[in-house]
C-alpha cells in the first residue's frame, strides 16, 4: 500500500479545495452522478489526509543494524 509523504499535505488541501469547487458546480448544473462521484473521492481524500497526519506525528522506529546469523557447528563424533 502506498503512503502519502507528509510533505504532500498542502497538495491534498489544494485537491480538496478543487473538488469542493467542482462539487458546487455539479450541484448548480444538476449533475447528480458527478456529485456522488466527487463525494466519494472527497471521502477517500480526507481519509488519506487524516491517516497521513497521524503517521506524521508518530516517531520513527529504530530497527538497529542487522547482523548475520551464526550457524551452529555440528557436534563432534566420539
PDB file of N, CA and C in Angstrom:
ATOM      1  N   UNK A   1       0.841  -1.177   0.000  1.00  0.00           N
ATOM      2  CA  UNK A   1       0.000   0.000   0.000  1.00  0.00           C
ATOM      3  C   UNK A   1       0.883   1.236   0.000  1.00  0.00           C
ATOM      4  N   UNK A   2       0.514   2.209  -0.776  1.00  0.00           N
ATOM      5  CA  UNK A   2       1.296   3.426  -0.854  1.00  0.00           C
ATOM      6  C   UNK A   2       0.907   4.392   0.251  1.00  0.00           C
ATOM      7  N   UNK A   3       1.908   5.065   0.795  1.00  0.00           N
ATOM      8  CA  UNK A   3       1.675   6.076   1.813  1.00  0.00           C
ATOM      9  C   UNK A   3       1.992   7.438   1.213  1.00  0.00           C
ATOM     10  N   UNK A   4       1.230   8.439   1.616  1.00  0.00           N
ATOM     11  CA  UNK A   4       1.471   9.801   1.171  1.00  0.00           C
ATOM     12  C   UNK A   4       2.577  10.387   2.037  1.00  0.00           C
ATOM     13  N   UNK A   5       3.545  11.020   1.397  1.00  0.00           N
ATOM     14  CA  UNK A   5       4.599  11.703   2.123  1.00  0.00           C
ATOM     15  C   UNK A   5       3.970  12.886   2.853  1.00  0.00           C
ATOM     16  N   UNK A   6       4.261  13.069   4.142  1.00  0.00           N
ATOM     17  CA  UNK A   6       3.677  14.193   4.877  1.00  0.00           C
ATOM     18  C   UNK A   6       3.962  15.557   4.247  1.00  0.00           C
ATOM     19  N   UNK A   7       5.012  15.663   3.459  1.00  0.00           N
ATOM     20  CA  UNK A   7       5.320  16.920   2.768  1.00  0.00           C
ATOM     21  C   UNK A   7       4.249  17.266   1.738  1.00  0.00           C
ATOM     22  N   UNK A   8       3.440  16.285   1.348  1.00  0.00           N
ATOM     23  CA  UNK A   8       2.407  16.491   0.330  1.00  0.00           C
ATOM     24  C   UNK A   8       1.054  16.908   0.919  1.00  0.00           C
ATOM     25  N   UNK A   9       0.974  17.109   2.225  1.00  0.00           N
ATOM     26  CA  UNK A   9      -0.295  17.501   2.841  1.00  0.00           C
ATOM     27  C   UNK A   9      -0.858  18.801   2.256  1.00  0.00           C
ATOM     28  N   UNK A  10      -0.025  19.812   1.984  1.00  0.00           N
ATOM     29  CA  UNK A  10      -0.589  21.022   1.351  1.00  0.00           C
ATOM     30  C   UNK A  10      -1.221  20.721  -0.015  1.00  0.00           C
ATOM     31  N   UNK A  11      -0.654  19.795  -0.751  1.00  0.00           N
ATOM     32  CA  UNK A  11      -1.220  19.429  -2.059  1.00  0.00           C
ATOM     33  C   UNK A  11      -2.579  18.771  -1.879  1.00  0.00           C
ATOM     34  N   UNK A  12      -2.735  17.940  -0.843  1.00  0.00           N
ATOM     35  CA  UNK A  12      -4.031  17.328  -0.573  1.00  0.00           C
ATOM     36  C   UNK A  12      -5.066  18.399  -0.246  1.00  0.00           C
ATOM     37  N   UNK A  13      -4.642  19.457   0.450  1.00  0.00           N
ATOM     38  CA  UNK A  13      -5.556  20.563   0.748  1.00  0.00           C
ATOM     39  C   UNK A  13      -6.002  21.252  -0.547  1.00  0.00           C
ATOM     40  N   UNK A  14      -5.058  21.428  -1.476  1.00  0.00           N
ATOM     41  CA  UNK A  14      -5.393  22.031  -2.778  1.00  0.00           C
ATOM     42  C   UNK A  14      -6.390  21.158  -3.534  1.00  0.00           C
ATOM     43  N   UNK A  15      -6.146  19.863  -3.529  1.00  0.00           N
ATOM     44  CA  UNK A  15      -7.044  18.934  -4.216  1.00  0.00           C
ATOM     45  C   UNK A  15      -8.445  18.977  -3.608  1.00  0.00           C
ATOM     46  N   UNK A  16      -8.506  19.057  -2.281  1.00  0.00           N
ATOM     47  CA  UNK A  16      -9.813  19.109  -1.627  1.00  0.00           C
ATOM     48  C   UNK A  16     -10.561  20.389  -2.018  1.00  0.00           C
ATOM     49  N   UNK A  17      -9.855  21.522  -2.044  1.00  0.00           N
ATOM     50  CA  UNK A  17     -10.494  22.786  -2.423  1.00  0.00           C
ATOM     51  C   UNK A  17     -11.021  22.705  -3.857  1.00  0.00           C
ATOM     52  N   UNK A  18     -10.234  22.108  -4.755  1.00  0.00           N
ATOM     53  CA  UNK A  18     -10.664  21.966  -6.142  1.00  0.00           C
ATOM     54  C   UNK A  18     -11.898  21.066  -6.244  1.00  0.00           C
ATOM     55  N   UNK A  19     -11.891  19.972  -5.498  1.00  0.00           N
ATOM     56  CA  UNK A  19     -13.042  19.070  -5.521  1.00  0.00           C
ATOM     57  C   UNK A  19     -14.306  19.753  -4.985  1.00  0.00           C
ATOM     58  N   UNK A  20     -14.140  20.575  -3.963  1.00  0.00           N
ATOM     59  CA  UNK A  20     -15.293  21.291  -3.423  1.00  0.00           C
ATOM     60  C   UNK A  20     -15.860  22.277  -4.450  1.00  0.00           C
ATOM     61  N   UNK A  21     -14.968  22.931  -5.200  1.00  0.00           N
ATOM     62  CA  UNK A  21     -15.418  23.832  -6.277  1.00  0.00           C
ATOM     63  C   UNK A  21     -16.157  23.043  -7.355  1.00  0.00           C
ATOM     64  N   UNK A  22     -15.596  21.908  -7.745  1.00  0.00           N
ATOM     65  CA  UNK A  22     -16.233  21.073  -8.765  1.00  0.00           C
ATOM     66  C   UNK A  22     -17.584  20.550  -8.287  1.00  0.00           C
ATOM     67  N   UNK A  23     -17.657  20.228  -7.004  1.00  0.00           N
ATOM     68  CA  UNK A  23     -18.914  19.730  -6.444  1.00  0.00           C
ATOM     69  C   UNK A  23     -19.984  20.823  -6.482  1.00  0.00           C
ATOM     70  N   UNK A  24     -19.604  22.049  -6.142  1.00  0.00           N
ATOM     71  CA  UNK A  24     -20.554  23.168  -6.175  1.00  0.00           C
ATOM     72  C   UNK A  24     -21.081  23.374  -7.592  1.00  0.00           C
ATOM     73  N   UNK A  25     -20.198  23.283  -8.571  1.00  0.00           N
ATOM     74  CA  UNK A  25     -20.638  23.442  -9.960  1.00  0.00           C
ATOM     75  C   UNK A  25     -21.557  22.293 -10.372  1.00  0.00           C
ATOM     76  N   UNK A  26     -21.191  21.068  -9.976  1.00  0.00           N
ATOM     77  CA  UNK A  26     -22.025  19.907 -10.321  1.00  0.00           C
ATOM     78  C   UNK A  26     -23.418  20.046  -9.715  1.00  0.00           C
ATOM     79  N   UNK A  27     -23.504  20.543  -8.493  1.00  0.00           N
ATOM     80  CA  UNK A  27     -24.813  20.756  -7.875  1.00  0.00           C
ATOM     81  C   UNK A  27     -25.591  21.832  -8.619  1.00  0.00           C
ATOM     82  N   UNK A  28     -24.908  22.921  -9.001  1.00  0.00           N
ATOM     83  CA  UNK A  28     -25.572  24.015  -9.713  1.00  0.00           C
ATOM     84  C   UNK A  28     -26.089  23.563 -11.074  1.00  0.00           C
ATOM     85  N   UNK A  29     -25.359  22.657 -11.713  1.00  0.00           N
ATOM     86  CA  UNK A  29     -25.745  22.161 -13.035  1.00  0.00           C
ATOM     87  C   UNK A  29     -26.728  20.985 -12.953  1.00  0.00           C
ATOM     88  N   UNK A  30     -26.914  20.453 -11.750  1.00  0.00           N
ATOM     89  CA  UNK A  30     -27.834  19.333 -11.587  1.00  0.00           C
ATOM     90  C   UNK A  30     -27.247  17.992 -11.999  1.00  0.00           C
ATOM     91  N   UNK A  31     -25.942  17.854 -11.894  1.00  0.00           N
ATOM     92  CA  UNK A  31     -25.258  16.608 -12.274  1.00  0.00           C
ATOM     93  C   UNK A  31     -25.170  15.694 -11.051  1.00  0.00           C
ATOM     94  N   UNK A  32     -26.209  14.934 -10.806  1.00  0.00           N
ATOM     95  CA  UNK A  32     -26.281  14.096  -9.604  1.00  0.00           C
ATOM     96  C   UNK A  32     -25.181  13.031  -9.576  1.00  0.00           C
ATOM     97  N   UNK A  33     -24.934  12.392 -10.708  1.00  0.00           N
ATOM     98  CA  UNK A  33     -23.898  11.358 -10.756  1.00  0.00           C
ATOM     99  C   UNK A  33     -22.517  11.918 -10.480  1.00  0.00           C
ATOM    100  N   UNK A  34     -22.242  13.088 -11.020  1.00  0.00           N
ATOM    101  CA  UNK A  34     -20.944  13.740 -10.790  1.00  0.00           C
ATOM    102  C   UNK A  34     -20.796  14.107  -9.315  1.00  0.00           C
ATOM    103  N   UNK A  35     -21.876  14.593  -8.716  1.00  0.00           N
ATOM    104  CA  UNK A  35     -21.840  14.962  -7.297  1.00  0.00           C
ATOM    105  C   UNK A  35     -21.531  13.742  -6.430  1.00  0.00           C
ATOM    106  N   UNK A  36     -22.155  12.619  -6.745  1.00  0.00           N
ATOM    107  CA  UNK A  36     -21.893  11.399  -5.974  1.00  0.00           C
ATOM    108  C   UNK A  36     -20.446  10.950  -6.120  1.00  0.00           C
ATOM    109  N   UNK A  37     -19.913  11.025  -7.322  1.00  0.00           N
ATOM    110  CA  UNK A  37     -18.520  10.642  -7.556  1.00  0.00           C
ATOM    111  C   UNK A  37     -17.548  11.542  -6.813  1.00  0.00           C
ATOM    112  N   UNK A  38     -17.827  12.830  -6.824  1.00  0.00           N
ATOM    113  CA  UNK A  38     -16.960  13.774  -6.113  1.00  0.00           C
ATOM    114  C   UNK A  38     -17.043  13.537  -4.610  1.00  0.00           C
ATOM    115  N   UNK A  39     -18.246  13.265  -4.103  1.00  0.00           N
ATOM    116  CA  UNK A  39     -18.398  12.974  -2.673  1.00  0.00           C
ATOM    117  C   UNK A  39     -17.571  11.753  -2.273  1.00  0.00           C
ATOM    118  N   UNK A  40     -17.588  10.739  -3.094  1.00  0.00           N
ATOM    119  CA  UNK A  40     -16.809   9.536  -2.810  1.00  0.00           C
ATOM    120  C   UNK A  40     -15.308   9.848  -2.825  1.00  0.00           C
ATOM    121  N   UNK A  41     -14.876  10.610  -3.811  1.00  0.00           N
ATOM    122  CA  UNK A  41     -13.465  10.995  -3.901  1.00  0.00           C
ATOM    123  C   UNK A  41     -13.064  11.831  -2.692  1.00  0.00           C
ATOM    124  N   UNK A  42     -13.927  12.754  -2.272  1.00  0.00           N
ATOM    125  CA  UNK A  42     -13.639  13.569  -1.088  1.00  0.00           C
ATOM    126  C   UNK A  42     -13.502  12.695   0.158  1.00  0.00           C
ATOM    127  N   UNK A  43     -14.334  11.677   0.269  1.00  0.00           N
ATOM    128  CA  UNK A  43     -14.259  10.775   1.423  1.00  0.00           C
ATOM    129  C   UNK A  43     -12.900  10.082   1.466  1.00  0.00           C
ATOM    130  N   UNK A  44     -12.449   9.563   0.326  1.00  0.00           N
ATOM    131  CA  UNK A  44     -11.152   8.878   0.272  1.00  0.00           C
ATOM    132  C   UNK A  44     -10.000   9.855   0.505  1.00  0.00           C
ATOM    133  N   UNK A  45     -10.085  11.039  -0.066  1.00  0.00           N
ATOM    134  CA  UNK A  45      -9.023  12.032   0.101  1.00  0.00           C
ATOM    135  C   UNK A  45      -8.900  12.429   1.572  1.00  0.00           C
ATOM    136  N   UNK A  46     -10.016  12.674   2.224  1.00  0.00           N
ATOM    137  CA  UNK A  46      -9.979  13.071   3.637  1.00  0.00           C
ATOM    138  C   UNK A  46      -9.456  11.953   4.524  1.00  0.00           C
ATOM    139  N   UNK A  47      -9.814  10.723   4.215  1.00  0.00           N
ATOM    140  CA  UNK A  47      -9.302   9.584   4.987  1.00  0.00           C
ATOM    141  C   UNK A  47      -7.794   9.460   4.813  1.00  0.00           C
ATOM    142  N   UNK A  48      -7.320   9.620   3.580  1.00  0.00           N
ATOM    143  CA  UNK A  48      -5.878   9.532   3.314  1.00  0.00           C
ATOM    144  C   UNK A  48      -5.138  10.670   4.013  1.00  0.00           C
ATOM    145  N   UNK A  49      -5.715  11.875   3.986  1.00  0.00           N
ATOM    146  CA  UNK A  49      -5.089  13.016   4.656  1.00  0.00           C
ATOM    147  C   UNK A  49      -5.008  12.787   6.160  1.00  0.00           C
ATOM    148  N   UNK A  50      -6.106  12.309   6.761  1.00  0.00           N
ATOM    149  CA  UNK A  50      -6.117  12.062   8.204  1.00  0.00           C
ATOM    150  C   UNK A  50      -5.096  10.990   8.593  1.00  0.00           C
ATOM    151  N   UNK A  51      -5.022   9.953   7.792  1.00  0.00           N
ATOM    152  CA  UNK A  51      -4.048   8.882   8.069  1.00  0.00           C
ATOM    153  C   UNK A  51      -2.617   9.408   7.955  1.00  0.00           C
ATOM    154  N   UNK A  52      -2.368  10.241   6.964  1.00  0.00           N
ATOM    155  CA  UNK A  52      -1.031  10.810   6.779  1.00  0.00           C
ATOM    156  C   UNK A  52      -0.675  11.719   7.944  1.00  0.00           C
ATOM    157  N   UNK A  53      -1.623  12.501   8.427  1.00  0.00           N
ATOM    158  CA  UNK A  53      -1.365  13.368   9.577  1.00  0.00           C
ATOM    159  C   UNK A  53      -1.057  12.551  10.821  1.00  0.00           C
ATOM    160  N   UNK A  54      -1.771  11.455  11.017  1.00  0.00           N
ATOM    161  CA  UNK A  54      -1.484  10.583  12.169  1.00  0.00           C
ATOM    162  C   UNK A  54      -0.099   9.954  12.044  1.00  0.00           C
ATOM    163  N   UNK A  55       0.253   9.487  10.839  1.00  0.00           N
ATOM    164  CA  UNK A  55       1.576   8.879  10.631  1.00  0.00           C
ATOM    165  C   UNK A  55       2.688   9.884  10.856  1.00  0.00           C
ATOM    166  N   UNK A  56       2.464  11.150  10.496  1.00  0.00           N
ATOM    167  CA  UNK A  56       3.491  12.182  10.634  1.00  0.00           C
ATOM    168  C   UNK A  56       3.781  12.484  12.104  1.00  0.00           C
ATOM    169  N   UNK A  57       2.829  12.214  12.983  1.00  0.00           N
ATOM    170  CA  UNK A  57       3.011  12.503  14.403  1.00  0.00           C
ATOM    171  C   UNK A  57       3.739  11.384  15.139  1.00  0.00           C
ATOM    172  N   UNK A  58       3.788  10.202  14.545  1.00  0.00           N
ATOM    173  CA  UNK A  58       4.479   9.082  15.195  1.00  0.00           C
ATOM    174  C   UNK A  58       5.978   9.189  14.959  1.00  0.00           C
ATOM    175  N   UNK A  59       6.773   8.926  15.993  1.00  0.00           N
ATOM    176  CA  UNK A  59       8.226   8.969  15.796  1.00  0.00           C
ATOM    177  C   UNK A  59       8.688   7.752  14.992  1.00  0.00           C
ATOM    178  N   UNK A  60       9.805   7.890  14.276  1.00  0.00           N
ATOM    179  CA  UNK A  60      10.329   6.735  13.534  1.00  0.00           C
ATOM    180  C   UNK A  60      10.825   5.648  14.500  1.00  0.00           C
ATOM    181  N   UNK A  61      10.799   4.430  14.044  1.00  0.00           N
ATOM    182  CA  UNK A  61      11.238   3.291  14.854  1.00  0.00           C
ATOM    183  C   UNK A  61      12.642   2.890  14.423  1.00  0.00           C
ATOM    184  N   UNK A  62      13.525   2.759  15.401  1.00  0.00           N
ATOM    185  CA  UNK A  62      14.894   2.340  15.109  1.00  0.00           C
ATOM    186  C   UNK A  62      14.946   0.814  15.150  1.00  0.00           C
ATOM    187  N   UNK A  63      15.208   0.218  14.026  1.00  0.00           N
ATOM    188  CA  UNK A  63      15.275  -1.235  13.943  1.00  0.00           C
ATOM    189  C   UNK A  63      16.684  -1.766  14.174  1.00  0.00           C
ATOM    190  N   UNK A  64      17.631  -0.880  14.315  1.00  0.00           N
ATOM    191  CA  UNK A  64      19.009  -1.314  14.538  1.00  0.00           C
ATOM    192  C   UNK A  64      19.675  -1.781  13.253  1.00  0.00           C
ATOM    193  N   UNK A  65      20.920  -2.183  13.380  1.00  0.00           N
ATOM    194  CA  UNK A  65      21.672  -2.666  12.224  1.00  0.00           C
ATOM    195  C   UNK A  65      21.575  -4.184  12.199  1.00  0.00           C
ATOM    196  N   UNK A  66      21.187  -4.755  11.074  1.00  0.00           N
ATOM    197  CA  UNK A  66      21.088  -6.219  11.019  1.00  0.00           C
ATOM    198  C   UNK A  66      22.454  -6.888  11.167  1.00  0.00           C
ATOM    199  N   UNK A  67      22.463  -8.044  11.768  1.00  0.00           N
ATOM    200  CA  UNK A  67      23.696  -8.822  11.945  1.00  0.00           C
ATOM    201  C   UNK A  67      23.515 -10.156  11.247  1.00  0.00           C
ATOM    202  N   UNK A  68      24.597 -10.704  10.686  1.00  0.00           N
ATOM    203  CA  UNK A  68      24.466 -12.013  10.038  1.00  0.00           C
ATOM    204  C   UNK A  68      24.153 -13.091  11.078  1.00  0.00           C
ATOM    205  N   UNK A  69      23.370 -14.037  10.645  1.00  0.00           N
ATOM    206  CA  UNK A  69      23.044 -15.156  11.532  1.00  0.00           C
ATOM    207  C   UNK A  69      24.257 -16.075  11.668  1.00  0.00           C
ATOM    208  N   UNK A  70      24.421 -16.630  12.840  1.00  0.00           N
ATOM    209  CA  UNK A  70      25.508 -17.608  13.025  1.00  0.00           C
ATOM    210  C   UNK A  70      24.892 -18.999  12.957  1.00  0.00           C
ATOM    211  N   UNK A  71      25.562 -19.861  12.235  1.00  0.00           N
ATOM    212  CA  UNK A  71      25.107 -21.234  12.084  1.00  0.00           C
ATOM    213  C   UNK A  71      25.863 -22.073  13.109  1.00  0.00           C
ATOM    214  N   UNK A  72      25.140 -22.764  13.982  1.00  0.00           N
ATOM    215  CA  UNK A  72      25.846 -23.563  14.981  1.00  0.00           C
ATOM    216  C   UNK A  72      26.634 -24.696  14.305  1.00  0.00           C
ATOM    217  N   UNK A  73      27.821 -24.957  14.823  1.00  0.00           N
ATOM    218  CA  UNK A  73      28.632 -26.040  14.251  1.00  0.00           C
ATOM    219  C   UNK A  73      28.087 -27.383  14.736  1.00  0.00           C
ATOM    220  N   UNK A  74      28.177 -28.396  13.864  1.00  0.00           N
ATOM    221  CA  UNK A  74      27.647 -29.721  14.256  1.00  0.00           C
ATOM    222  C   UNK A  74      28.491 -30.315  15.384  1.00  0.00           C
ATOM    223  N   UNK A  75      27.841 -31.109  16.239  1.00  0.00           N
ATOM    224  CA  UNK A  75      28.600 -31.736  17.334  1.00  0.00           C
ATOM    225  C   UNK A  75      29.639 -32.723  16.776  1.00  0.00           C
ATOM    226  N   UNK A  76      30.758 -32.800  17.478  1.00  0.00           N
ATOM    227  CA  UNK A  76      31.823 -33.709  17.015  1.00  0.00           C
ATOM    228  C   UNK A  76      31.464 -35.157  17.342  1.00  0.00           C
ATOM    229  N   UNK A  77      31.842 -36.076  16.467  1.00  0.00           N
ATOM    230  CA  UNK A  77      31.560 -37.508  16.669  1.00  0.00           C
ATOM    231  C   UNK A  77      32.562 -38.072  17.658  1.00  0.00           C
ATOM    232  N   UNK A  78      32.153 -39.023  18.545  1.00  0.00           N
ATOM    233  CA  UNK A  78      33.087 -39.630  19.513  1.00  0.00           C
ATOM    234  C   UNK A  78      34.076 -40.563  18.881  1.00  0.00           C
TER     235      UNK A  78
END
